[in-house]
Amino acid sequence: MGYGLLAGAIVAEILATTSMKYSEGFSKLWPSVVTGVGYVVAFALLAQALKTLQVGTAYAIWSGVGTAAVAAIGILFLGETLSLAKIAGIVLIIAGVAVLNLGGAH
């Protein structure tokens, strides 16, 4: 159950962050609303997930997967450039989350 809530928190955070790009500095109403609601939902689901998951593991997964996904969305859909440094950063994020999980953090 905890990991399901965490997955929902990640999806909400990715949606909120992507919507923030489209809000143009919170000058467009609907993307701004989606951003606000998305972050409230993300934090609410994360808080519920923390009832059963360790905070370090949950936060590492939440922030790491969210960061990697938003970077990929930027590259695939928002015209951001792909560089060796970005690829290395995403790989390191994923590796860090994996090491936390393999190290018995849960």
PDB file of N, CA and C in Angstrom:
ATOM      1  N   MET A   1       0.827  -1.203   0.000  1.00  0.00           N
ATOM      2  CA  MET A   1       0.000   0.000   0.000  1.00  0.00           C
ATOM      3  C   MET A   1       0.866   1.259   0.000  1.00  0.00           C
ATOM      4  N   GLY A   2       1.941   1.242   0.794  1.00  0.00           N
ATOM      5  CA  GLY A   2       2.814   2.409   0.873  1.00  0.00           C
ATOM      6  C   GLY A   2       3.434   2.774  -0.457  1.00  0.00           C
ATOM      7  N   TYR A   3       3.872   1.749  -1.204  1.00  0.00           N
ATOM      8  CA  TYR A   3       4.490   2.028  -2.496  1.00  0.00           C
ATOM      9  C   TYR A   3       3.468   2.487  -3.522  1.00  0.00           C
ATOM     10  N   GLY A   4       2.233   2.042  -3.410  1.00  0.00           N
ATOM     11  CA  GLY A   4       1.175   2.536  -4.290  1.00  0.00           C
ATOM     12  C   GLY A   4       0.889   4.008  -4.041  1.00  0.00           C
ATOM     13  N   LEU A   5       0.832   4.385  -2.768  1.00  0.00           N
ATOM     14  CA  LEU A   5       0.647   5.798  -2.429  1.00  0.00           C
ATOM     15  C   LEU A   5       1.830   6.626  -2.906  1.00  0.00           C
ATOM     16  N   LEU A   6       3.025   6.078  -2.759  1.00  0.00           N
ATOM     17  CA  LEU A   6       4.221   6.776  -3.217  1.00  0.00           C
ATOM     18  C   LEU A   6       4.196   6.966  -4.727  1.00  0.00           C
ATOM     19  N   ALA A   7       3.758   5.954  -5.460  1.00  0.00           N
ATOM     20  CA  ALA A   7       3.642   6.074  -6.916  1.00  0.00           C
ATOM     21  C   ALA A   7       2.657   7.181  -7.293  1.00  0.00           C
ATOM     22  N   GLY A   8       1.538   7.254  -6.586  1.00  0.00           N
ATOM     23  CA  GLY A   8       0.578   8.333  -6.832  1.00  0.00           C
ATOM     24  C   GLY A   8       1.174   9.698  -6.536  1.00  0.00           C
ATOM     25  N   ALA A   9       1.962   9.782  -5.463  1.00  0.00           N
ATOM     26  CA  ALA A   9       2.626  11.043  -5.115  1.00  0.00           C
ATOM     27  C   ALA A   9       3.600  11.463  -6.207  1.00  0.00           C
ATOM     28  N   ILE A  10       4.299  10.501  -6.766  1.00  0.00           N
ATOM     29  CA  ILE A  10       5.258  10.791  -7.831  1.00  0.00           C
ATOM     30  C   ILE A  10       4.535  11.300  -9.073  1.00  0.00           C
ATOM     31  N   VAL A  11       3.457  10.632  -9.453  1.00  0.00           N
ATOM     32  CA  VAL A  11       2.690  11.056 -10.629  1.00  0.00           C
ATOM     33  C   VAL A  11       2.146  12.472 -10.424  1.00  0.00           C
ATOM     34  N   ALA A  12       1.606  12.756  -9.248  1.00  0.00           N
ATOM     35  CA  ALA A  12       1.061  14.088  -8.962  1.00  0.00           C
ATOM     36  C   ALA A  12       2.155  15.147  -9.005  1.00  0.00           C
ATOM     37  N   GLU A  13       3.337  14.820  -8.488  1.00  0.00           N
ATOM     38  CA  GLU A  13       4.445  15.777  -8.490  1.00  0.00           C
ATOM     39  C   GLU A  13       4.936  16.048  -9.909  1.00  0.00           C
ATOM     40  N   ILE A  14       5.006  15.013 -10.731  1.00  0.00           N
ATOM     41  CA  ILE A  14       5.425  15.187 -12.133  1.00  0.00           C
ATOM     42  C   ILE A  14       4.415  16.050 -12.876  1.00  0.00           C
ATOM     43  N   LEU A  15       3.139  15.791 -12.667  1.00  0.00           N
ATOM     44  CA  LEU A  15       2.085  16.590 -13.299  1.00  0.00           C
ATOM     45  C   LEU A  15       2.177  18.048 -12.843  1.00  0.00           C
ATOM     46  N   ALA A  16       2.374  18.260 -11.553  1.00  0.00           N
ATOM     47  CA  ALA A  16       2.452  19.619 -11.020  1.00  0.00           C
ATOM     48  C   ALA A  16       3.657  20.371 -11.572  1.00  0.00           C
ATOM     49  N   THR A  17       4.786  19.704 -11.619  1.00  0.00           N
ATOM     50  CA  THR A  17       5.998  20.368 -12.106  1.00  0.00           C
ATOM     51  C   THR A  17       5.887  20.681 -13.594  1.00  0.00           C
ATOM     52  N   THR A  18       5.356  19.757 -14.365  1.00  0.00           N
ATOM     53  CA  THR A  18       5.172  20.007 -15.792  1.00  0.00           C
ATOM     54  C   THR A  18       4.174  21.143 -16.016  1.00  0.00           C
ATOM     55  N   SER A  19       3.114  21.172 -15.236  1.00  0.00           N
ATOM     56  CA  SER A  19       2.123  22.245 -15.348  1.00  0.00           C
ATOM     57  C   SER A  19       2.724  23.595 -14.985  1.00  0.00           C
ATOM     58  N   MET A  20       3.671  23.590 -14.058  1.00  0.00           N
ATOM     59  CA  MET A  20       4.310  24.847 -13.669  1.00  0.00           C
ATOM     60  C   MET A  20       5.004  25.487 -14.868  1.00  0.00           C
ATOM     61  N   LYS A  21       5.596  24.671 -15.722  1.00  0.00           N
ATOM     62  CA  LYS A  21       6.239  25.184 -16.937  1.00  0.00           C
ATOM     63  C   LYS A  21       5.210  25.910 -17.802  1.00  0.00           C
ATOM     64  N   TYR A  22       4.027  25.313 -17.931  1.00  0.00           N
ATOM     65  CA  TYR A  22       2.978  25.890 -18.760  1.00  0.00           C
ATOM     66  C   TYR A  22       2.261  27.064 -18.098  1.00  0.00           C
ATOM     67  N   SER A  23       2.452  27.259 -16.788  1.00  0.00           N
ATOM     68  CA  SER A  23       1.788  28.366 -16.096  1.00  0.00           C
ATOM     69  C   SER A  23       2.432  29.713 -16.422  1.00  0.00           C
ATOM     70  N   GLU A  24       3.622  29.669 -17.007  1.00  0.00           N
ATOM     71  CA  GLU A  24       4.360  30.884 -17.370  1.00  0.00           C
ATOM     72  C   GLU A  24       4.455  31.841 -16.187  1.00  0.00           C
ATOM     73  N   GLY A  25       5.079  31.333 -15.121  1.00  0.00           N
ATOM     74  CA  GLY A  25       5.261  32.172 -13.927  1.00  0.00           C
ATOM     75  C   GLY A  25       3.959  32.428 -13.190  1.00  0.00           C
ATOM     76  N   PHE A  26       3.063  31.486 -13.222  1.00  0.00           N
ATOM     77  CA  PHE A  26       1.730  31.586 -12.606  1.00  0.00           C
ATOM     78  C   PHE A  26       0.885  32.703 -13.203  1.00  0.00           C
ATOM     79  N   SER A  27       1.129  33.005 -14.479  1.00  0.00           N
ATOM     80  CA  SER A  27       0.333  34.033 -15.152  1.00  0.00           C
ATOM     81  C   SER A  27      -0.834  33.432 -15.937  1.00  0.00           C
ATOM     82  N   LYS A  28      -0.872  32.097 -16.076  1.00  0.00           N
ATOM     83  CA  LYS A  28      -1.991  31.419 -16.736  1.00  0.00           C
ATOM     84  C   LYS A  28      -2.749  30.621 -15.691  1.00  0.00           C
ATOM     85  N   LEU A  29      -4.066  30.837 -15.640  1.00  0.00           N
ATOM     86  CA  LEU A  29      -4.890  30.299 -14.558  1.00  0.00           C
ATOM     87  C   LEU A  29      -4.856  28.773 -14.454  1.00  0.00           C
ATOM     88  N   TRP A  30      -5.258  28.059 -15.494  1.00  0.00           N
ATOM     89  CA  TRP A  30      -5.456  26.622 -15.352  1.00  0.00           C
ATOM     90  C   TRP A  30      -4.172  25.847 -15.110  1.00  0.00           C
ATOM     91  N   PRO A  31      -3.094  26.151 -15.805  1.00  0.00           N
ATOM     92  CA  PRO A  31      -1.849  25.465 -15.440  1.00  0.00           C
ATOM     93  C   PRO A  31      -1.412  25.788 -14.007  1.00  0.00           C
ATOM     94  N   SER A  32      -1.699  26.998 -13.543  1.00  0.00           N
ATOM     95  CA  SER A  32      -1.368  27.371 -12.171  1.00  0.00           C
ATOM     96  C   SER A  32      -2.200  26.579 -11.171  1.00  0.00           C
ATOM     97  N   VAL A  33      -3.477  26.389 -11.473  1.00  0.00           N
ATOM     98  CA  VAL A  33      -4.356  25.607 -10.603  1.00  0.00           C
ATOM     99  C   VAL A  33      -3.893  24.154 -10.554  1.00  0.00           C
ATOM    100  N   VAL A  34      -3.565  23.594 -11.713  1.00  0.00           N
ATOM    101  CA  VAL A  34      -3.087  22.210 -11.762  1.00  0.00           C
ATOM    102  C   VAL A  34      -1.790  22.074 -10.961  1.00  0.00           C
ATOM    103  N   THR A  35      -0.927  23.068 -11.047  1.00  0.00           N
ATOM    104  CA  THR A  35       0.322  23.046 -10.278  1.00  0.00           C
ATOM    105  C   THR A  35       0.026  22.994  -8.782  1.00  0.00           C
ATOM    106  N   GLY A  36      -0.812  23.886  -8.314  1.00  0.00           N
ATOM    107  CA  GLY A  36      -1.132  23.936  -6.883  1.00  0.00           C
ATOM    108  C   GLY A  36      -1.801  22.671  -6.388  1.00  0.00           C
ATOM    109  N   VAL A  37      -2.809  22.224  -7.109  1.00  0.00           N
ATOM    110  CA  VAL A  37      -3.530  21.012  -6.712  1.00  0.00           C
ATOM    111  C   VAL A  37      -2.603  19.799  -6.788  1.00  0.00           C
ATOM    112  N   GLY A  38      -1.785  19.739  -7.811  1.00  0.00           N
ATOM    113  CA  GLY A  38      -0.866  18.624  -7.970  1.00  0.00           C
ATOM    114  C   GLY A  38       0.102  18.499  -6.809  1.00  0.00           C
ATOM    115  N   TYR A  39       0.644  19.637  -6.356  1.00  0.00           N
ATOM    116  CA  TYR A  39       1.570  19.578  -5.229  1.00  0.00           C
ATOM    117  C   TYR A  39       0.860  19.236  -3.919  1.00  0.00           C
ATOM    118  N   VAL A  40      -0.344  19.730  -3.723  1.00  0.00           N
ATOM    119  CA  VAL A  40      -1.100  19.359  -2.517  1.00  0.00           C
ATOM    120  C   VAL A  40      -1.362  17.858  -2.510  1.00  0.00           C
ATOM    121  N   VAL A  41      -1.797  17.317  -3.634  1.00  0.00           N
ATOM    122  CA  VAL A  41      -2.051  15.877  -3.735  1.00  0.00           C
ATOM    123  C   VAL A  41      -0.751  15.098  -3.528  1.00  0.00           C
ATOM    124  N   ALA A  42       0.339  15.560  -4.144  1.00  0.00           N
ATOM    125  CA  ALA A  42       1.626  14.873  -4.015  1.00  0.00           C
ATOM    126  C   ALA A  42       2.069  14.795  -2.557  1.00  0.00           C
ATOM    127  N   PHE A  43       2.002  15.908  -1.849  1.00  0.00           N
ATOM    128  CA  PHE A  43       2.429  15.909  -0.450  1.00  0.00           C
ATOM    129  C   PHE A  43       1.470  15.115   0.430  1.00  0.00           C
ATOM    130  N   ALA A  44       0.177  15.161   0.139  1.00  0.00           N
ATOM    131  CA  ALA A  44      -0.780  14.386   0.923  1.00  0.00           C
ATOM    132  C   ALA A  44      -0.526  12.883   0.753  1.00  0.00           C
ATOM    133  N   LEU A  45      -0.299  12.452  -0.483  1.00  0.00           N
ATOM    134  CA  LEU A  45      -0.024  11.036  -0.730  1.00  0.00           C
ATOM    135  C   LEU A  45       1.322  10.625  -0.142  1.00  0.00           C
ATOM    136  N   LEU A  46       2.316  11.493  -0.243  1.00  0.00           N
ATOM    137  CA  LEU A  46       3.615  11.199   0.354  1.00  0.00           C
ATOM    138  C   LEU A  46       3.488  11.054   1.868  1.00  0.00           C
ATOM    139  N   ALA A  47       2.723  11.921   2.486  1.00  0.00           N
ATOM    140  CA  ALA A  47       2.518  11.848   3.935  1.00  0.00           C
ATOM    141  C   ALA A  47       1.864  10.526   4.326  1.00  0.00           C
ATOM    142  N   GLN A  48       0.900  10.083   3.535  1.00  0.00           N
ATOM    143  CA  GLN A  48       0.247   8.803   3.819  1.00  0.00           C
ATOM    144  C   GLN A  48       1.212   7.638   3.607  1.00  0.00           C
ATOM    145  N   ALA A  49       2.037   7.725   2.574  1.00  0.00           N
ATOM    146  CA  ALA A  49       3.018   6.666   2.310  1.00  0.00           C
ATOM    147  C   ALA A  49       4.019   6.542   3.453  1.00  0.00           C
ATOM    148  N   LEU A  50       4.336   7.668   4.086  1.00  0.00           N
ATOM    149  CA  LEU A  50       5.314   7.656   5.168  1.00  0.00           C
ATOM    150  C   LEU A  50       4.808   6.955   6.423  1.00  0.00           C
ATOM    151  N   LYS A  51       3.536   6.624   6.461  1.00  0.00           N
ATOM    152  CA  LYS A  51       3.016   5.847   7.585  1.00  0.00           C
ATOM    153  C   LYS A  51       3.606   4.438   7.586  1.00  0.00           C
ATOM    154  N   THR A  52       3.958   3.931   6.392  1.00  0.00           N
ATOM    155  CA  THR A  52       4.466   2.565   6.302  1.00  0.00           C
ATOM    156  C   THR A  52       5.874   2.469   5.719  1.00  0.00           C
ATOM    157  N   LEU A  53       6.372   3.524   5.115  1.00  0.00           N
ATOM    158  CA  LEU A  53       7.702   3.509   4.511  1.00  0.00           C
ATOM    159  C   LEU A  53       8.660   4.373   5.316  1.00  0.00           C
ATOM    160  N   GLN A  54       9.937   4.029   5.256  1.00  0.00           N
ATOM    161  CA  GLN A  54      10.937   4.864   5.908  1.00  0.00           C
ATOM    162  C   GLN A  54      11.094   6.167   5.130  1.00  0.00           C
ATOM    163  N   VAL A  55      11.269   7.249   5.861  1.00  0.00           N
ATOM    164  CA  VAL A  55      11.289   8.568   5.244  1.00  0.00           C
ATOM    165  C   VAL A  55      12.446   8.716   4.255  1.00  0.00           C
ATOM    166  N   GLY A  56      13.614   8.218   4.585  1.00  0.00           N
ATOM    167  CA  GLY A  56      14.757   8.356   3.686  1.00  0.00           C
ATOM    168  C   GLY A  56      14.546   7.651   2.366  1.00  0.00           C
ATOM    169  N   THR A  57      14.046   6.450   2.440  1.00  0.00           N
ATOM    170  CA  THR A  57      13.786   5.671   1.231  1.00  0.00           C
ATOM    171  C   THR A  57      12.670   6.302   0.414  1.00  0.00           C
ATOM    172  N   ALA A  58      11.567   6.633   1.065  1.00  0.00           N
ATOM    173  CA  ALA A  58      10.418   7.202   0.351  1.00  0.00           C
ATOM    174  C   ALA A  58      10.784   8.520  -0.319  1.00  0.00           C
ATOM    175  N   TYR A  59      11.492   9.375   0.401  1.00  0.00           N
ATOM    176  CA  TYR A  59      11.836  10.678  -0.169  1.00  0.00           C
ATOM    177  C   TYR A  59      12.838  10.528  -1.307  1.00  0.00           C
ATOM    178  N   ALA A  60      13.789   9.607  -1.167  1.00  0.00           N
ATOM    179  CA  ALA A  60      14.758   9.382  -2.241  1.00  0.00           C
ATOM    180  C   ALA A  60      14.054   8.902  -3.506  1.00  0.00           C
ATOM    181  N   ILE A  61      13.128   7.978  -3.351  1.00  0.00           N
ATOM    182  CA  ILE A  61      12.382   7.480  -4.508  1.00  0.00           C
ATOM    183  C   ILE A  61      11.525   8.585  -5.100  1.00  0.00           C
ATOM    184  N   TRP A  62      10.802   9.303  -4.251  1.00  0.00           N
ATOM    185  CA  TRP A  62       9.896  10.367  -4.705  1.00  0.00           C
ATOM    186  C   TRP A  62      10.660  11.445  -5.465  1.00  0.00           C
ATOM    187  N   SER A  63      11.708  11.942  -4.861  1.00  0.00           N
ATOM    188  CA  SER A  63      12.437  13.035  -5.505  1.00  0.00           C
ATOM    189  C   SER A  63      13.261  12.545  -6.689  1.00  0.00           C
ATOM    190  N   GLY A  64      13.864  11.361  -6.559  1.00  0.00           N
ATOM    191  CA  GLY A  64      14.701  10.844  -7.637  1.00  0.00           C
ATOM    192  C   GLY A  64      13.914  10.489  -8.882  1.00  0.00           C
ATOM    193  N   VAL A  65      12.849   9.734  -8.721  1.00  0.00           N
ATOM    194  CA  VAL A  65      12.025   9.354  -9.868  1.00  0.00           C
ATOM    195  C   VAL A  65      11.365  10.585 -10.476  1.00  0.00           C
ATOM    196  N   GLY A  66      10.893  11.489  -9.616  1.00  0.00           N
ATOM    197  CA  GLY A  66      10.280  12.722 -10.115  1.00  0.00           C
ATOM    198  C   GLY A  66      11.262  13.563 -10.914  1.00  0.00           C
ATOM    199  N   THR A  67      12.468  13.713 -10.405  1.00  0.00           N
ATOM    200  CA  THR A  67      13.488  14.495 -11.101  1.00  0.00           C
ATOM    201  C   THR A  67      13.853  13.864 -12.440  1.00  0.00           C
ATOM    202  N   ALA A  68      14.086  12.565 -12.449  1.00  0.00           N
ATOM    203  CA  ALA A  68      14.439  11.884 -13.691  1.00  0.00           C
ATOM    204  C   ALA A  68      13.301  11.963 -14.705  1.00  0.00           C
ATOM    205  N   ALA A  69      12.071  11.779 -14.249  1.00  0.00           N
ATOM    206  CA  ALA A  69      10.919  11.832 -15.162  1.00  0.00           C
ATOM    207  C   ALA A  69      10.717  13.226 -15.733  1.00  0.00           C
ATOM    208  N   VAL A  70      10.844  14.250 -14.905  1.00  0.00           N
ATOM    209  CA  VAL A  70      10.669  15.616 -15.393  1.00  0.00           C
ATOM    210  C   VAL A  70      11.788  15.982 -16.373  1.00  0.00           C
ATOM    211  N   ALA A  71      12.997  15.526 -16.107  1.00  0.00           N
ATOM    212  CA  ALA A  71      14.088  15.771 -17.051  1.00  0.00           C
ATOM    213  C   ALA A  71      13.792  15.100 -18.392  1.00  0.00           C
ATOM    214  N   ALA A  72      13.290  13.869 -18.352  1.00  0.00           N
ATOM    215  CA  ALA A  72      12.945  13.163 -19.585  1.00  0.00           C
ATOM    216  C   ALA A  72      11.806  13.858 -20.326  1.00  0.00           C
ATOM    217  N   ILE A  73      10.802  14.329 -19.597  1.00  0.00           N
ATOM    218  CA  ILE A  73       9.688  15.056 -20.224  1.00  0.00           C
ATOM    219  C   ILE A  73      10.207  16.319 -20.892  1.00  0.00           C
ATOM    220  N   GLY A  74      11.103  17.017 -20.224  1.00  0.00           N
ATOM    221  CA  GLY A  74      11.681  18.222 -20.807  1.00  0.00           C
ATOM    222  C   GLY A  74      12.404  17.933 -22.108  1.00  0.00           C
ATOM    223  N   ILE A  75      13.140  16.848 -22.138  1.00  0.00           N
ATOM    224  CA  ILE A  75      13.888  16.486 -23.336  1.00  0.00           C
ATOM    225  C   ILE A  75      12.951  16.004 -24.442  1.00  0.00           C
ATOM    226  N   LEU A  76      11.992  15.137 -24.090  1.00  0.00           N
ATOM    227  CA  LEU A  76      11.126  14.523 -25.093  1.00  0.00           C
ATOM    228  C   LEU A  76      10.033  15.442 -25.627  1.00  0.00           C
ATOM    229  N   PHE A  77       9.488  16.306 -24.756  1.00  0.00           N
ATOM    230  CA  PHE A  77       8.300  17.063 -25.148  1.00  0.00           C
ATOM    231  C   PHE A  77       8.446  18.576 -25.102  1.00  0.00           C
ATOM    232  N   LEU A  78       9.438  19.079 -24.402  1.00  0.00           N
ATOM    233  CA  LEU A  78       9.537  20.535 -24.222  1.00  0.00           C
ATOM    234  C   LEU A  78      10.736  21.142 -24.926  1.00  0.00           C
ATOM    235  N   GLY A  79      11.392  20.368 -25.745  1.00  0.00           N
ATOM    236  CA  GLY A  79      12.478  20.899 -26.559  1.00  0.00           C
ATOM    237  C   GLY A  79      13.770  21.184 -25.818  1.00  0.00           C
ATOM    238  N   GLU A  80      13.942  20.612 -24.634  1.00  0.00           N
ATOM    239  CA  GLU A  80      15.191  20.822 -23.914  1.00  0.00           C
ATOM    240  C   GLU A  80      16.277  19.956 -24.537  1.00  0.00           C
ATOM    241  N   THR A  81      17.500  20.417 -24.444  1.00  0.00           N
ATOM    242  CA  THR A  81      18.596  19.698 -25.069  1.00  0.00           C
ATOM    243  C   THR A  81      19.031  18.506 -24.225  1.00  0.00           C
ATOM    244  N   LEU A  82      19.540  17.507 -24.912  1.00  0.00           N
ATOM    245  CA  LEU A  82      20.074  16.327 -24.268  1.00  0.00           C
ATOM    246  C   LEU A  82      21.596  16.424 -24.313  1.00  0.00           C
ATOM    247  N   SER A  83      22.213  16.258 -23.175  1.00  0.00           N
ATOM    248  CA  SER A  83      23.663  16.319 -23.105  1.00  0.00           C
ATOM    249  C   SER A  83      24.186  15.129 -22.312  1.00  0.00           C
ATOM    250  N   LEU A  84      25.461  14.901 -22.427  1.00  0.00           N
ATOM    251  CA  LEU A  84      26.087  13.823 -21.671  1.00  0.00           C
ATOM    252  C   LEU A  84      25.932  14.063 -20.174  1.00  0.00           C
ATOM    253  N   ALA A  85      26.024  15.318 -19.756  1.00  0.00           N
ATOM    254  CA  ALA A  85      25.873  15.646 -18.336  1.00  0.00           C
ATOM    255  C   ALA A  85      24.465  15.313 -17.837  1.00  0.00           C
ATOM    256  N   LYS A  86      23.443  15.595 -18.641  1.00  0.00           N
ATOM    257  CA  LYS A  86      22.068  15.267 -18.243  1.00  0.00           C
ATOM    258  C   LYS A  86      21.870  13.755 -18.153  1.00  0.00           C
ATOM    259  N   ILE A  87      22.400  13.050 -19.118  1.00  0.00           N
ATOM    260  CA  ILE A  87      22.285  11.588 -19.095  1.00  0.00           C
ATOM    261  C   ILE A  87      22.979  11.043 -17.855  1.00  0.00           C
ATOM    262  N   ALA A  88      24.182  11.532 -17.585  1.00  0.00           N
ATOM    263  CA  ALA A  88      24.929  11.065 -16.414  1.00  0.00           C
ATOM    264  C   ALA A  88      24.170  11.386 -15.125  1.00  0.00           C
ATOM    265  N   GLY A  89      23.586  12.566 -15.046  1.00  0.00           N
ATOM    266  CA  GLY A  89      22.824  12.950 -13.860  1.00  0.00           C
ATOM    267  C   GLY A  89      21.629  12.050 -13.624  1.00  0.00           C
ATOM    268  N   ILE A  90      20.890  11.756 -14.679  1.00  0.00           N
ATOM    269  CA  ILE A  90      19.724  10.873 -14.550  1.00  0.00           C
ATOM    270  C   ILE A  90      20.164   9.472 -14.132  1.00  0.00           C
ATOM    271  N   VAL A  91      21.235   8.972 -14.732  1.00  0.00           N
ATOM    272  CA  VAL A  91      21.749   7.648 -14.373  1.00  0.00           C
ATOM    273  C   VAL A  91      22.178   7.627 -12.907  1.00  0.00           C
ATOM    274  N   LEU A  92      22.840   8.682 -12.451  1.00  0.00           N
ATOM    275  CA  LEU A  92      23.281   8.739 -11.060  1.00  0.00           C
ATOM    276  C   LEU A  92      22.097   8.806 -10.092  1.00  0.00           C
ATOM    277  N   ILE A  93      21.047   9.524 -10.465  1.00  0.00           N
ATOM    278  CA  ILE A  93      19.847   9.577  -9.624  1.00  0.00           C
ATOM    279  C   ILE A  93      19.249   8.184  -9.484  1.00  0.00           C
ATOM    280  N   ILE A  94      19.083   7.504 -10.604  1.00  0.00           N
ATOM    281  CA  ILE A  94      18.506   6.167 -10.582  1.00  0.00           C
ATOM    282  C   ILE A  94      19.395   5.214  -9.786  1.00  0.00           C
ATOM    283  N   ALA A  95      20.703   5.316  -9.987  1.00  0.00           N
ATOM    284  CA  ALA A  95      21.634   4.461  -9.239  1.00  0.00           C
ATOM    285  C   ALA A  95      21.556   4.732  -7.736  1.00  0.00           C
ATOM    286  N   GLY A  96      21.435   5.991  -7.359  1.00  0.00           N
ATOM    287  CA  GLY A  96      21.324   6.342  -5.943  1.00  0.00           C
ATOM    288  C   GLY A  96      20.097   5.764  -5.287  1.00  0.00           C
ATOM    289  N   VAL A  97      18.977   5.839  -5.971  1.00  0.00           N
ATOM    290  CA  VAL A  97      17.743   5.261  -5.445  1.00  0.00           C
ATOM    291  C   VAL A  97      17.877   3.745  -5.338  1.00  0.00           C
ATOM    292  N   ALA A  98      18.478   3.135  -6.350  1.00  0.00           N
ATOM    293  CA  ALA A  98      18.664   1.679  -6.314  1.00  0.00           C
ATOM    294  C   ALA A  98      19.569   1.264  -5.168  1.00  0.00           C
ATOM    295  N   VAL A  99      20.644   1.991  -4.937  1.00  0.00           N
ATOM    296  CA  VAL A  99      21.556   1.662  -3.857  1.00  0.00           C
ATOM    297  C   VAL A  99      20.867   1.793  -2.503  1.00  0.00           C
ATOM    298  N   LEU A 100      20.060   2.827  -2.326  1.00  0.00           N
ATOM    299  CA  LEU A 100      19.308   2.968  -1.078  1.00  0.00           C
ATOM    300  C   LEU A 100      18.403   1.768  -0.842  1.00  0.00           C
ATOM    301  N   ASN A 101      17.726   1.334  -1.879  1.00  0.00           N
ATOM    302  CA  ASN A 101      16.813   0.192  -1.752  1.00  0.00           C
ATOM    303  C   ASN A 101      17.561  -1.115  -1.541  1.00  0.00           C
ATOM    304  N   LEU A 102      18.663  -1.309  -2.226  1.00  0.00           N
ATOM    305  CA  LEU A 102      19.447  -2.536  -2.075  1.00  0.00           C
ATOM    306  C   LEU A 102      20.172  -2.588  -0.741  1.00  0.00           C
ATOM    307  N   GLY A 103      20.432  -1.411  -0.173  1.00  0.00           N
ATOM    308  CA  GLY A 103      21.139  -1.342   1.100  1.00  0.00           C
ATOM    309  C   GLY A 103      20.265  -1.612   2.313  1.00  0.00           C
ATOM    310  N   GLY A 104      19.077  -2.094   2.075  1.00  0.00           N
ATOM    311  CA  GLY A 104      18.200  -2.437   3.191  1.00  0.00           C
ATOM    312  C   GLY A 104      17.525  -1.242   3.811  1.00  0.00           C
ATOM    313  N   ALA A 105      17.360  -0.166   3.052  1.00  0.00           N
ATOM    314  CA  ALA A 105      16.750   1.044   3.585  1.00  0.00           C
ATOM    315  C   ALA A 105      15.262   0.892   3.826  1.00  0.00           C
ATOM    316  N   HIS A 106      14.660  -0.185   3.368  1.00  0.00           N
ATOM    317  CA  HIS A 106      13.238  -0.385   3.593  1.00  0.00           C
ATOM    318  C   HIS A 106      13.086  -1.605   4.430  1.00  0.00           C
TER     319      HIS A 106
END
